[in-house]
Amino acid sequence: MEKKLKESNGRAAVSHGTRTPLRNNRSPTGPGSSKEVASLREKIKLLEGQIKLKETALETSTIFFLEKEQDLQKKIDDLESRVEELNKHSASFYEYELHKVVKDTKEAIESNGVISDGNLKERNDDDSLPVKEQKACVVDRDNSQDELIEELAALKERNKSMESELRDMQERYSEISLKFAEVEGERQRLVMTVRKIKTAKKS
């Protein structure tokens, strides 16, 4: 009986000695990791806000300059067409007047044979008023044409200035795009950091 008790106690001692302790697989989650995640999320929100502001400013500036350029180009095209039309009318008018004078002179010679000085003076007096009106019309046309040409030159100068502004805008666009890429890269890096922290907390 005493021998059996000793054997029983020995087996219990061996069993107790080889018992494997339970392991705690959960990693400690202190308050520091939660604060770090909250801080990273706040940084991500700030970066996303900066990205949206830069995108909005860039789109607004681009639209404004494109509309300005289109409006100016439209005015230039309109003035060029008006100048061209005036040139055509002026050339046609001079050609018409020349043919008219030649025709009238030819008809007068054919109908009267020789034109006396009195008849010529009387004819000139009769035609003096229309000629003055025609000259006034020609002067008005020339003045209008000169004004249009001056306005066109001024608009072309403005167009050159606008092209320079657009080039500056393109350079600014490139700079903003570069900064945008940098901010986006920083945001992606922070997002990956947050994901790693979350994964570490779950494991």
N, C-alpha and C. Protein backbone atom coordinates (compact mmCIF):
# COMPACT_ATOMS: atom_id res chain seq x y z
N MET A 1 0.85 -1.20 0.00
CA MET A 1 0.00 0.00 0.00
C MET A 1 0.88 1.24 0.00
N GLU A 2 1.85 1.30 0.80
CA GLU A 2 2.76 2.44 0.89
C GLU A 2 3.54 2.59 -0.41
N LYS A 3 3.88 1.46 -1.04
CA LYS A 3 4.59 1.49 -2.32
C LYS A 3 3.75 2.10 -3.40
N LYS A 4 2.48 1.76 -3.44
CA LYS A 4 1.56 2.31 -4.45
C LYS A 4 1.39 3.80 -4.29
N LEU A 5 1.33 4.27 -3.06
CA LEU A 5 1.19 5.71 -2.81
C LEU A 5 2.42 6.46 -3.30
N LYS A 6 3.61 5.91 -3.10
CA LYS A 6 4.84 6.55 -3.56
C LYS A 6 4.86 6.66 -5.07
N GLU A 7 4.46 5.53 -5.74
CA GLU A 7 4.44 5.56 -7.21
C GLU A 7 3.45 6.58 -7.72
N SER A 8 2.29 6.69 -7.07
CA SER A 8 1.26 7.66 -7.46
C SER A 8 1.76 9.08 -7.27
N ASN A 9 2.42 9.35 -6.17
CA ASN A 9 2.98 10.69 -5.91
C ASN A 9 4.08 11.04 -6.91
N GLY A 10 4.85 10.06 -7.31
CA GLY A 10 5.94 10.29 -8.27
C GLY A 10 5.39 10.67 -9.63
N ARG A 11 4.33 9.94 -10.06
CA ARG A 11 3.73 10.27 -11.37
C ARG A 11 3.13 11.67 -11.35
N ALA A 12 2.51 12.04 -10.23
CA ALA A 12 1.90 13.37 -10.11
C ALA A 12 2.96 14.45 -10.15
N ALA A 13 4.10 14.16 -9.51
CA ALA A 13 5.19 15.15 -9.51
C ALA A 13 5.75 15.34 -10.91
N VAL A 14 5.92 14.21 -11.64
CA VAL A 14 6.43 14.29 -13.02
C VAL A 14 5.47 15.03 -13.91
N SER A 15 4.17 14.68 -13.77
CA SER A 15 3.13 15.34 -14.56
C SER A 15 3.09 16.83 -14.29
N HIS A 16 3.24 17.21 -13.03
CA HIS A 16 3.21 18.63 -12.65
C HIS A 16 4.46 19.35 -13.15
N GLY A 17 5.57 18.66 -13.17
CA GLY A 17 6.82 19.30 -13.61
C GLY A 17 6.85 19.53 -15.10
N THR A 18 6.22 18.67 -15.89
CA THR A 18 6.25 18.81 -17.37
C THR A 18 5.08 19.58 -17.91
N ARG A 19 4.25 20.17 -17.06
CA ARG A 19 3.07 20.91 -17.55
C ARG A 19 3.55 22.17 -18.28
N THR A 20 3.04 22.37 -19.47
CA THR A 20 3.43 23.53 -20.29
C THR A 20 2.59 24.74 -19.91
N PRO A 21 3.25 25.81 -19.54
CA PRO A 21 2.47 27.00 -19.16
C PRO A 21 1.81 27.64 -20.37
N LEU A 22 0.62 28.25 -20.19
CA LEU A 22 -0.12 28.92 -21.28
C LEU A 22 0.59 30.22 -21.66
N ARG A 23 0.70 30.47 -22.98
CA ARG A 23 1.36 31.67 -23.47
C ARG A 23 0.34 32.74 -23.81
N ASN A 24 0.69 33.94 -23.53
CA ASN A 24 -0.18 35.07 -23.86
C ASN A 24 0.31 35.65 -25.18
N ASN A 25 -0.42 35.33 -26.28
CA ASN A 25 -0.01 35.77 -27.61
C ASN A 25 -0.38 37.22 -27.91
N ARG A 26 -1.18 37.81 -27.10
CA ARG A 26 -1.63 39.17 -27.37
C ARG A 26 -0.53 40.16 -26.99
N SER A 27 -0.24 41.04 -27.95
CA SER A 27 0.77 42.06 -27.66
C SER A 27 0.15 43.16 -26.84
N PRO A 28 0.92 43.71 -25.94
CA PRO A 28 0.36 44.76 -25.09
C PRO A 28 -0.02 45.99 -25.91
N THR A 29 -1.18 46.51 -25.62
CA THR A 29 -1.66 47.70 -26.33
C THR A 29 -1.76 48.83 -25.33
N GLY A 30 -0.71 49.58 -25.26
CA GLY A 30 -0.68 50.69 -24.32
C GLY A 30 -1.35 51.92 -24.89
N PRO A 31 -1.49 52.93 -24.08
CA PRO A 31 -2.11 54.17 -24.54
C PRO A 31 -1.28 54.91 -25.57
N GLY A 32 0.05 54.60 -25.64
CA GLY A 32 0.90 55.30 -26.59
C GLY A 32 0.55 55.01 -28.04
N SER A 33 0.24 53.73 -28.36
CA SER A 33 -0.09 53.37 -29.74
C SER A 33 -1.38 54.02 -30.19
N SER A 34 -2.38 54.12 -29.32
CA SER A 34 -3.64 54.77 -29.67
C SER A 34 -3.42 56.25 -29.98
N LYS A 35 -2.59 56.89 -29.18
CA LYS A 35 -2.29 58.31 -29.42
C LYS A 35 -1.57 58.50 -30.75
N GLU A 36 -0.68 57.55 -31.07
CA GLU A 36 0.07 57.64 -32.32
C GLU A 36 -0.86 57.52 -33.52
N VAL A 37 -1.81 56.57 -33.43
CA VAL A 37 -2.78 56.39 -34.52
C VAL A 37 -3.63 57.64 -34.69
N ALA A 38 -4.09 58.20 -33.58
CA ALA A 38 -4.92 59.41 -33.64
C ALA A 38 -4.14 60.57 -34.25
N SER A 39 -2.86 60.68 -33.89
CA SER A 39 -2.03 61.75 -34.43
C SER A 39 -1.81 61.58 -35.93
N LEU A 40 -1.58 60.35 -36.35
CA LEU A 40 -1.38 60.08 -37.78
C LEU A 40 -2.65 60.35 -38.58
N ARG A 41 -3.79 59.97 -38.02
CA ARG A 41 -5.05 60.24 -38.70
C ARG A 41 -5.28 61.74 -38.85
N GLU A 42 -4.92 62.49 -37.83
CA GLU A 42 -5.08 63.95 -37.89
C GLU A 42 -4.17 64.54 -38.98
N LYS A 43 -2.96 64.03 -39.08
CA LYS A 43 -2.05 64.49 -40.13
C LYS A 43 -2.59 64.16 -41.51
N ILE A 44 -3.17 62.98 -41.65
CA ILE A 44 -3.75 62.57 -42.93
C ILE A 44 -4.89 63.50 -43.33
N LYS A 45 -5.74 63.84 -42.35
CA LYS A 45 -6.85 64.76 -42.64
C LYS A 45 -6.33 66.12 -43.09
N LEU A 46 -5.29 66.61 -42.41
CA LEU A 46 -4.72 67.90 -42.79
C LEU A 46 -4.14 67.86 -44.20
N LEU A 47 -3.43 66.78 -44.53
CA LEU A 47 -2.85 66.65 -45.86
C LEU A 47 -3.93 66.55 -46.93
N GLU A 48 -4.99 65.81 -46.64
CA GLU A 48 -6.09 65.71 -47.60
C GLU A 48 -6.75 67.07 -47.82
N GLY A 49 -6.87 67.85 -46.74
CA GLY A 49 -7.43 69.20 -46.87
C GLY A 49 -6.54 70.09 -47.73
N GLN A 50 -5.22 69.99 -47.55
CA GLN A 50 -4.29 70.76 -48.37
C GLN A 50 -4.39 70.37 -49.84
N ILE A 51 -4.52 69.08 -50.09
CA ILE A 51 -4.64 68.59 -51.47
C ILE A 51 -5.89 69.16 -52.13
N LYS A 52 -7.02 69.14 -51.42
CA LYS A 52 -8.26 69.66 -51.99
C LYS A 52 -8.16 71.16 -52.28
N LEU A 53 -7.54 71.90 -51.36
CA LEU A 53 -7.38 73.35 -51.57
C LEU A 53 -6.51 73.63 -52.79
N LYS A 54 -5.42 72.89 -52.93
CA LYS A 54 -4.52 73.09 -54.08
C LYS A 54 -5.22 72.73 -55.38
N GLU A 55 -6.00 71.64 -55.38
CA GLU A 55 -6.73 71.25 -56.58
C GLU A 55 -7.74 72.32 -56.98
N THR A 56 -8.49 72.84 -55.99
CA THR A 56 -9.49 73.87 -56.27
C THR A 56 -8.85 75.14 -56.82
N ALA A 57 -7.77 75.59 -56.19
CA ALA A 57 -7.08 76.81 -56.64
C ALA A 57 -6.53 76.63 -58.05
N LEU A 58 -6.00 75.46 -58.33
CA LEU A 58 -5.42 75.19 -59.64
C LEU A 58 -6.50 75.18 -60.72
N GLU A 59 -7.61 74.52 -60.46
CA GLU A 59 -8.70 74.46 -61.43
C GLU A 59 -9.29 75.84 -61.69
N THR A 60 -9.49 76.63 -60.62
CA THR A 60 -10.06 77.97 -60.77
C THR A 60 -9.15 78.87 -61.61
N SER A 61 -7.86 78.85 -61.32
CA SER A 61 -6.91 79.69 -62.07
C SER A 61 -6.84 79.27 -63.53
N THR A 62 -6.82 77.98 -63.79
CA THR A 62 -6.74 77.49 -65.16
C THR A 62 -7.97 77.90 -65.96
N ILE A 63 -9.16 77.72 -65.38
CA ILE A 63 -10.40 78.08 -66.07
C ILE A 63 -10.44 79.58 -66.35
N PHE A 64 -10.03 80.39 -65.37
CA PHE A 64 -10.06 81.85 -65.53
C PHE A 64 -9.16 82.30 -66.69
N PHE A 65 -7.94 81.79 -66.73
CA PHE A 65 -7.02 82.20 -67.78
C PHE A 65 -7.44 81.69 -69.15
N LEU A 66 -8.00 80.50 -69.22
CA LEU A 66 -8.47 79.97 -70.50
C LEU A 66 -9.62 80.79 -71.05
N GLU A 67 -10.57 81.17 -70.17
CA GLU A 67 -11.70 82.00 -70.60
C GLU A 67 -11.21 83.36 -71.08
N LYS A 68 -10.24 83.93 -70.35
CA LYS A 68 -9.69 85.23 -70.73
C LYS A 68 -9.01 85.15 -72.10
N GLU A 69 -8.25 84.10 -72.30
CA GLU A 69 -7.54 83.94 -73.57
C GLU A 69 -8.52 83.77 -74.73
N GLN A 70 -9.57 82.96 -74.53
CA GLN A 70 -10.56 82.73 -75.57
C GLN A 70 -11.30 84.02 -75.93
N ASP A 71 -11.66 84.81 -74.91
CA ASP A 71 -12.37 86.07 -75.14
C ASP A 71 -11.49 87.04 -75.93
N LEU A 72 -10.22 87.12 -75.57
CA LEU A 72 -9.31 88.03 -76.26
C LEU A 72 -9.09 87.58 -77.70
N GLN A 73 -8.94 86.30 -77.91
CA GLN A 73 -8.74 85.78 -79.26
C GLN A 73 -9.96 86.02 -80.13
N LYS A 74 -11.14 85.94 -79.53
CA LYS A 74 -12.39 86.20 -80.26
C LYS A 74 -12.44 87.66 -80.73
N LYS A 75 -12.04 88.59 -79.84
CA LYS A 75 -12.03 90.00 -80.22
C LYS A 75 -11.03 90.26 -81.34
N ILE A 76 -9.88 89.63 -81.26
CA ILE A 76 -8.86 89.80 -82.30
C ILE A 76 -9.37 89.29 -83.64
N ASP A 77 -9.98 88.12 -83.65
CA ASP A 77 -10.53 87.56 -84.89
C ASP A 77 -11.60 88.47 -85.47
N ASP A 78 -12.46 89.02 -84.61
CA ASP A 78 -13.53 89.91 -85.07
C ASP A 78 -12.95 91.18 -85.69
N LEU A 79 -11.95 91.77 -85.04
CA LEU A 79 -11.34 92.98 -85.58
C LEU A 79 -10.60 92.71 -86.89
N GLU A 80 -9.93 91.59 -86.98
CA GLU A 80 -9.23 91.25 -88.22
C GLU A 80 -10.20 91.09 -89.38
N SER A 81 -11.35 90.47 -89.12
CA SER A 81 -12.36 90.31 -90.17
C SER A 81 -12.94 91.67 -90.58
N ARG A 82 -13.12 92.56 -89.60
CA ARG A 82 -13.65 93.90 -89.92
C ARG A 82 -12.65 94.71 -90.74
N VAL A 83 -11.38 94.63 -90.39
CA VAL A 83 -10.34 95.33 -91.17
C VAL A 83 -10.28 94.78 -92.58
N GLU A 84 -10.34 93.45 -92.70
CA GLU A 84 -10.31 92.83 -94.02
C GLU A 84 -11.51 93.26 -94.86
N GLU A 85 -12.68 93.33 -94.22
CA GLU A 85 -13.89 93.76 -94.92
C GLU A 85 -13.77 95.21 -95.38
N LEU A 86 -13.23 96.06 -94.52
CA LEU A 86 -13.03 97.47 -94.90
C LEU A 86 -12.05 97.59 -96.06
N ASN A 87 -11.01 96.81 -96.04
CA ASN A 87 -10.04 96.84 -97.14
C ASN A 87 -10.69 96.44 -98.46
N LYS A 88 -11.53 95.41 -98.40
CA LYS A 88 -12.23 94.97 -99.61
C LYS A 88 -13.15 96.06 -100.13
N HIS A 89 -13.92 96.67 -99.21
CA HIS A 89 -14.86 97.72 -99.62
C HIS A 89 -14.11 98.93 -100.17
N SER A 90 -13.00 99.29 -99.55
CA SER A 90 -12.23 100.44 -100.01
C SER A 90 -11.69 100.20 -101.42
N ALA A 91 -11.14 99.01 -101.64
CA ALA A 91 -10.61 98.68 -102.96
C ALA A 91 -11.73 98.68 -104.01
N SER A 92 -12.87 98.10 -103.65
CA SER A 92 -14.00 98.06 -104.58
C SER A 92 -14.51 99.47 -104.87
N PHE A 93 -14.53 100.32 -103.84
CA PHE A 93 -15.04 101.68 -104.01
C PHE A 93 -14.12 102.47 -104.95
N TYR A 94 -12.82 102.40 -104.74
CA TYR A 94 -11.88 103.13 -105.61
C TYR A 94 -11.96 102.62 -107.05
N GLU A 95 -12.07 101.33 -107.21
CA GLU A 95 -12.16 100.75 -108.54
C GLU A 95 -13.45 101.20 -109.24
N TYR A 96 -14.54 101.22 -108.47
CA TYR A 96 -15.83 101.65 -109.02
C TYR A 96 -15.76 103.11 -109.47
N GLU A 97 -15.18 103.98 -108.64
CA GLU A 97 -15.08 105.40 -108.97
C GLU A 97 -14.22 105.62 -110.21
N LEU A 98 -13.13 104.86 -110.33
CA LEU A 98 -12.26 105.00 -111.49
C LEU A 98 -13.00 104.62 -112.77
N HIS A 99 -13.70 103.49 -112.74
CA HIS A 99 -14.46 103.06 -113.92
C HIS A 99 -15.55 104.07 -114.25
N LYS A 100 -16.16 104.64 -113.23
CA LYS A 100 -17.24 105.61 -113.45
C LYS A 100 -16.71 106.86 -114.14
N VAL A 101 -15.57 107.38 -113.69
CA VAL A 101 -14.98 108.57 -114.30
C VAL A 101 -14.61 108.31 -115.76
N VAL A 102 -13.98 107.16 -116.01
CA VAL A 102 -13.60 106.81 -117.39
C VAL A 102 -14.82 106.69 -118.28
N LYS A 103 -15.86 106.04 -117.76
CA LYS A 103 -17.08 105.85 -118.54
C LYS A 103 -17.76 107.18 -118.84
N ASP A 104 -17.88 108.04 -117.81
CA ASP A 104 -18.53 109.34 -118.01
C ASP A 104 -17.77 110.19 -119.01
N THR A 105 -16.45 110.18 -118.93
CA THR A 105 -15.63 110.95 -119.86
C THR A 105 -15.80 110.45 -121.28
N LYS A 106 -15.81 109.13 -121.44
CA LYS A 106 -15.95 108.54 -122.76
C LYS A 106 -17.31 108.87 -123.36
N GLU A 107 -18.37 108.78 -122.55
CA GLU A 107 -19.72 109.09 -123.04
C GLU A 107 -19.84 110.57 -123.43
N ALA A 108 -19.23 111.44 -122.62
CA ALA A 108 -19.30 112.87 -122.93
C ALA A 108 -18.61 113.19 -124.25
N ILE A 109 -17.46 112.57 -124.50
CA ILE A 109 -16.73 112.81 -125.76
C ILE A 109 -17.52 112.28 -126.94
N GLU A 110 -18.09 111.08 -126.78
CA GLU A 110 -18.83 110.47 -127.88
C GLU A 110 -20.12 111.23 -128.20
N SER A 111 -20.80 111.75 -127.21
CA SER A 111 -22.08 112.43 -127.43
C SER A 111 -21.92 113.87 -127.91
N ASN A 112 -20.93 114.61 -127.43
CA ASN A 112 -20.78 116.03 -127.75
C ASN A 112 -19.63 116.31 -128.71
N GLY A 113 -18.85 115.33 -129.00
CA GLY A 113 -17.70 115.57 -129.86
C GLY A 113 -16.62 116.28 -129.10
N VAL A 114 -16.64 117.61 -129.14
CA VAL A 114 -15.67 118.41 -128.41
C VAL A 114 -16.40 119.13 -127.30
N ILE A 115 -15.87 119.07 -126.11
CA ILE A 115 -16.51 119.71 -124.97
C ILE A 115 -15.95 121.11 -124.81
N SER A 116 -16.86 122.10 -124.79
CA SER A 116 -16.41 123.49 -124.61
C SER A 116 -16.04 123.72 -123.16
N ASP A 117 -15.29 124.85 -122.96
CA ASP A 117 -14.89 125.18 -121.59
C ASP A 117 -16.09 125.48 -120.73
N GLY A 118 -17.11 126.13 -121.29
CA GLY A 118 -18.31 126.46 -120.50
C GLY A 118 -19.06 125.22 -120.08
N ASN A 119 -19.22 124.30 -121.04
CA ASN A 119 -19.93 123.05 -120.71
C ASN A 119 -19.15 122.24 -119.66
N LEU A 120 -17.82 122.26 -119.81
CA LEU A 120 -16.99 121.51 -118.87
C LEU A 120 -17.10 122.10 -117.47
N LYS A 121 -17.10 123.49 -117.39
CA LYS A 121 -17.22 124.15 -116.09
C LYS A 121 -18.57 123.86 -115.47
N GLU A 122 -19.62 123.93 -116.34
CA GLU A 122 -20.97 123.67 -115.82
C GLU A 122 -21.09 122.24 -115.31
N ARG A 123 -20.50 121.31 -116.06
CA ARG A 123 -20.57 119.90 -115.64
C ARG A 123 -19.81 119.69 -114.33
N ASN A 124 -18.65 120.37 -114.22
CA ASN A 124 -17.87 120.23 -113.00
C ASN A 124 -18.61 120.79 -111.80
N ASP A 125 -19.32 121.95 -111.99
CA ASP A 125 -20.10 122.53 -110.90
C ASP A 125 -21.22 121.61 -110.48
N ASP A 126 -21.85 120.96 -111.46
CA ASP A 126 -22.95 120.04 -111.13
C ASP A 126 -22.46 118.82 -110.36
N ASP A 127 -21.25 118.37 -110.68
CA ASP A 127 -20.74 117.15 -110.06
C ASP A 127 -19.95 117.41 -108.78
N SER A 128 -19.77 118.70 -108.43
CA SER A 128 -18.90 119.02 -107.30
C SER A 128 -19.45 118.48 -105.99
N LEU A 129 -20.76 118.58 -105.76
CA LEU A 129 -21.34 118.14 -104.50
C LEU A 129 -21.20 116.63 -104.30
N PRO A 130 -21.57 115.79 -105.29
CA PRO A 130 -21.38 114.35 -105.10
C PRO A 130 -19.92 113.97 -104.86
N VAL A 131 -19.00 114.68 -105.55
CA VAL A 131 -17.59 114.36 -105.37
C VAL A 131 -17.15 114.65 -103.95
N LYS A 132 -17.61 115.81 -103.40
CA LYS A 132 -17.27 116.15 -102.01
C LYS A 132 -17.81 115.11 -101.05
N GLU A 133 -19.06 114.69 -101.32
CA GLU A 133 -19.65 113.67 -100.45
C GLU A 133 -18.86 112.36 -100.54
N GLN A 134 -18.42 112.02 -101.76
CA GLN A 134 -17.65 110.80 -101.94
C GLN A 134 -16.32 110.89 -101.21
N LYS A 135 -15.67 112.08 -101.30
CA LYS A 135 -14.39 112.26 -100.60
C LYS A 135 -14.58 112.15 -99.09
N ALA A 136 -15.68 112.75 -98.60
CA ALA A 136 -15.97 112.66 -97.16
C ALA A 136 -16.18 111.22 -96.75
N CYS A 137 -16.86 110.47 -97.61
CA CYS A 137 -17.10 109.05 -97.32
C CYS A 137 -15.78 108.29 -97.26
N VAL A 138 -14.89 108.60 -98.22
CA VAL A 138 -13.59 107.93 -98.25
C VAL A 138 -12.79 108.26 -96.99
N VAL A 139 -12.82 109.53 -96.56
CA VAL A 139 -12.10 109.95 -95.35
C VAL A 139 -12.64 109.22 -94.13
N ASP A 140 -13.99 109.13 -94.05
CA ASP A 140 -14.60 108.41 -92.92
C ASP A 140 -14.16 106.95 -92.90
N ARG A 141 -14.12 106.35 -94.09
CA ARG A 141 -13.70 104.95 -94.17
C ARG A 141 -12.24 104.80 -93.71
N ASP A 142 -11.40 105.74 -94.16
CA ASP A 142 -9.99 105.67 -93.78
C ASP A 142 -9.81 105.84 -92.27
N ASN A 143 -10.57 106.79 -91.70
CA ASN A 143 -10.47 107.01 -90.25
C ASN A 143 -10.92 105.77 -89.48
N SER A 144 -12.04 105.19 -89.93
CA SER A 144 -12.54 103.98 -89.26
C SER A 144 -11.53 102.85 -89.36
N GLN A 145 -10.92 102.74 -90.54
CA GLN A 145 -9.93 101.69 -90.74
C GLN A 145 -8.72 101.90 -89.84
N ASP A 146 -8.25 103.16 -89.74
CA ASP A 146 -7.10 103.46 -88.87
C ASP A 146 -7.42 103.14 -87.41
N GLU A 147 -8.63 103.49 -86.98
CA GLU A 147 -9.03 103.21 -85.60
C GLU A 147 -9.05 101.71 -85.34
N LEU A 148 -9.59 100.95 -86.31
CA LEU A 148 -9.65 99.50 -86.15
C LEU A 148 -8.25 98.90 -86.10
N ILE A 149 -7.36 99.41 -86.95
CA ILE A 149 -5.99 98.89 -86.96
C ILE A 149 -5.29 99.17 -85.63
N GLU A 150 -5.51 100.39 -85.10
CA GLU A 150 -4.92 100.73 -83.80
C GLU A 150 -5.47 99.83 -82.69
N GLU A 151 -6.79 99.62 -82.73
CA GLU A 151 -7.41 98.75 -81.71
C GLU A 151 -6.90 97.32 -81.84
N LEU A 152 -6.75 96.87 -83.08
CA LEU A 152 -6.24 95.52 -83.31
C LEU A 152 -4.81 95.38 -82.79
N ALA A 153 -3.98 96.41 -83.03
CA ALA A 153 -2.60 96.37 -82.54
C ALA A 153 -2.57 96.32 -81.01
N ALA A 154 -3.47 97.10 -80.38
CA ALA A 154 -3.53 97.10 -78.91
C ALA A 154 -3.95 95.74 -78.38
N LEU A 155 -4.91 95.12 -79.06
CA LEU A 155 -5.38 93.80 -78.63
C LEU A 155 -4.30 92.74 -78.82
N LYS A 156 -3.56 92.85 -79.90
CA LYS A 156 -2.47 91.89 -80.13
C LYS A 156 -1.39 92.04 -79.05
N GLU A 157 -1.16 93.29 -78.64
CA GLU A 157 -0.19 93.51 -77.56
C GLU A 157 -0.69 92.88 -76.26
N ARG A 158 -1.99 93.04 -76.01
CA ARG A 158 -2.58 92.41 -74.83
C ARG A 158 -2.50 90.89 -74.93
N ASN A 159 -2.65 90.39 -76.14
CA ASN A 159 -2.57 88.94 -76.34
C ASN A 159 -1.17 88.43 -76.02
N LYS A 160 -0.13 89.20 -76.40
CA LYS A 160 1.24 88.81 -76.06
C LYS A 160 1.42 88.78 -74.55
N SER A 161 0.87 89.82 -73.89
CA SER A 161 0.96 89.86 -72.42
C SER A 161 0.24 88.67 -71.80
N MET A 162 -0.92 88.32 -72.39
CA MET A 162 -1.68 87.18 -71.89
C MET A 162 -0.90 85.88 -72.08
N GLU A 163 -0.23 85.74 -73.21
CA GLU A 163 0.58 84.54 -73.45
C GLU A 163 1.70 84.43 -72.41
N SER A 164 2.30 85.58 -72.07
CA SER A 164 3.34 85.58 -71.03
C SER A 164 2.76 85.16 -69.68
N GLU A 165 1.57 85.68 -69.37
CA GLU A 165 0.91 85.30 -68.11
C GLU A 165 0.57 83.81 -68.10
N LEU A 166 0.15 83.30 -69.26
CA LEU A 166 -0.18 81.88 -69.34
C LEU A 166 1.07 81.01 -69.14
N ARG A 167 2.20 81.47 -69.68
CA ARG A 167 3.45 80.71 -69.46
C ARG A 167 3.81 80.69 -67.97
N ASP A 168 3.64 81.85 -67.33
CA ASP A 168 3.88 81.90 -65.88
C ASP A 168 2.93 80.97 -65.14
N MET A 169 1.68 80.94 -65.62
CA MET A 169 0.68 80.08 -65.00
C MET A 169 1.06 78.60 -65.17
N GLN A 170 1.60 78.25 -66.33
CA GLN A 170 2.01 76.87 -66.55
C GLN A 170 3.16 76.48 -65.63
N GLU A 171 4.10 77.43 -65.41
CA GLU A 171 5.20 77.16 -64.48
C GLU A 171 4.67 76.96 -63.06
N ARG A 172 3.72 77.83 -62.67
CA ARG A 172 3.11 77.68 -61.34
C ARG A 172 2.36 76.35 -61.25
N TYR A 173 1.71 75.97 -62.35
CA TYR A 173 0.98 74.70 -62.39
C TYR A 173 1.94 73.54 -62.16
N SER A 174 3.11 73.61 -62.80
CA SER A 174 4.10 72.54 -62.62
C SER A 174 4.59 72.48 -61.18
N GLU A 175 4.83 73.66 -60.59
CA GLU A 175 5.28 73.69 -59.19
C GLU A 175 4.22 73.13 -58.26
N ILE A 176 2.96 73.54 -58.48
CA ILE A 176 1.87 73.04 -57.63
C ILE A 176 1.70 71.54 -57.81
N SER A 177 1.83 71.06 -59.05
CA SER A 177 1.71 69.62 -59.31
C SER A 177 2.79 68.84 -58.57
N LEU A 178 4.01 69.41 -58.55
CA LEU A 178 5.10 68.75 -57.84
C LEU A 178 4.82 68.69 -56.34
N LYS A 179 4.37 69.83 -55.79
CA LYS A 179 4.03 69.86 -54.36
C LYS A 179 2.86 68.91 -54.07
N PHE A 180 1.91 68.88 -54.99
CA PHE A 180 0.77 67.98 -54.83
C PHE A 180 1.24 66.53 -54.74
N ALA A 181 2.18 66.16 -55.61
CA ALA A 181 2.71 64.79 -55.59
C ALA A 181 3.43 64.51 -54.28
N GLU A 182 4.17 65.50 -53.78
CA GLU A 182 4.88 65.31 -52.51
C GLU A 182 3.89 65.12 -51.35
N VAL A 183 2.85 65.95 -51.33
CA VAL A 183 1.85 65.84 -50.27
C VAL A 183 1.11 64.51 -50.36
N GLU A 184 0.79 64.10 -51.58
CA GLU A 184 0.09 62.83 -51.77
C GLU A 184 0.98 61.66 -51.32
N GLY A 185 2.27 61.74 -51.63
CA GLY A 185 3.20 60.69 -51.19
C GLY A 185 3.28 60.62 -49.67
N GLU A 186 3.32 61.77 -49.01
CA GLU A 186 3.34 61.81 -47.55
C GLU A 186 2.07 61.22 -46.97
N ARG A 187 0.95 61.53 -47.61
CA ARG A 187 -0.34 61.00 -47.13
C ARG A 187 -0.36 59.47 -47.25
N GLN A 188 0.10 58.95 -48.38
CA GLN A 188 0.13 57.50 -48.58
C GLN A 188 1.03 56.83 -47.54
N ARG A 189 2.15 57.48 -47.24
CA ARG A 189 3.07 56.91 -46.25
C ARG A 189 2.41 56.83 -44.87
N LEU A 190 1.68 57.88 -44.51
CA LEU A 190 1.00 57.89 -43.21
C LEU A 190 -0.12 56.85 -43.17
N VAL A 191 -0.82 56.70 -44.29
CA VAL A 191 -1.89 55.69 -44.34
C VAL A 191 -1.31 54.30 -44.13
N MET A 192 -0.17 54.01 -44.77
CA MET A 192 0.47 52.70 -44.60
C MET A 192 0.93 52.51 -43.15
N THR A 193 1.41 53.57 -42.51
CA THR A 193 1.84 53.47 -41.11
C THR A 193 0.66 53.13 -40.21
N VAL A 194 -0.48 53.79 -40.45
CA VAL A 194 -1.68 53.51 -39.66
C VAL A 194 -2.12 52.07 -39.84
N ARG A 195 -2.07 51.58 -41.07
CA ARG A 195 -2.47 50.19 -41.33
C ARG A 195 -1.56 49.20 -40.60
N LYS A 196 -0.27 49.48 -40.60
CA LYS A 196 0.67 48.60 -39.89
C LYS A 196 0.38 48.57 -38.40
N ILE A 197 0.08 49.75 -37.83
CA ILE A 197 -0.22 49.81 -36.39
C ILE A 197 -1.49 49.03 -36.08
N LYS A 198 -2.51 49.17 -36.94
CA LYS A 198 -3.76 48.43 -36.73
C LYS A 198 -3.54 46.93 -36.83
N THR A 199 -2.72 46.51 -37.80
CA THR A 199 -2.43 45.08 -37.96
C THR A 199 -1.68 44.54 -36.75
N ALA A 200 -0.75 45.31 -36.22
CA ALA A 200 0.01 44.89 -35.04
C ALA A 200 -0.90 44.76 -33.82
N LYS A 201 -1.88 45.62 -33.70
CA LYS A 201 -2.81 45.56 -32.56
C LYS A 201 -3.71 44.33 -32.65
N LYS A 202 -4.10 43.94 -33.88
CA LYS A 202 -4.99 42.79 -34.04
C LYS A 202 -4.26 41.47 -33.80
N SER A 203 -2.95 41.40 -34.10
CA SER A 203 -2.22 40.13 -33.96
C SER A 203 -1.89 39.84 -32.50
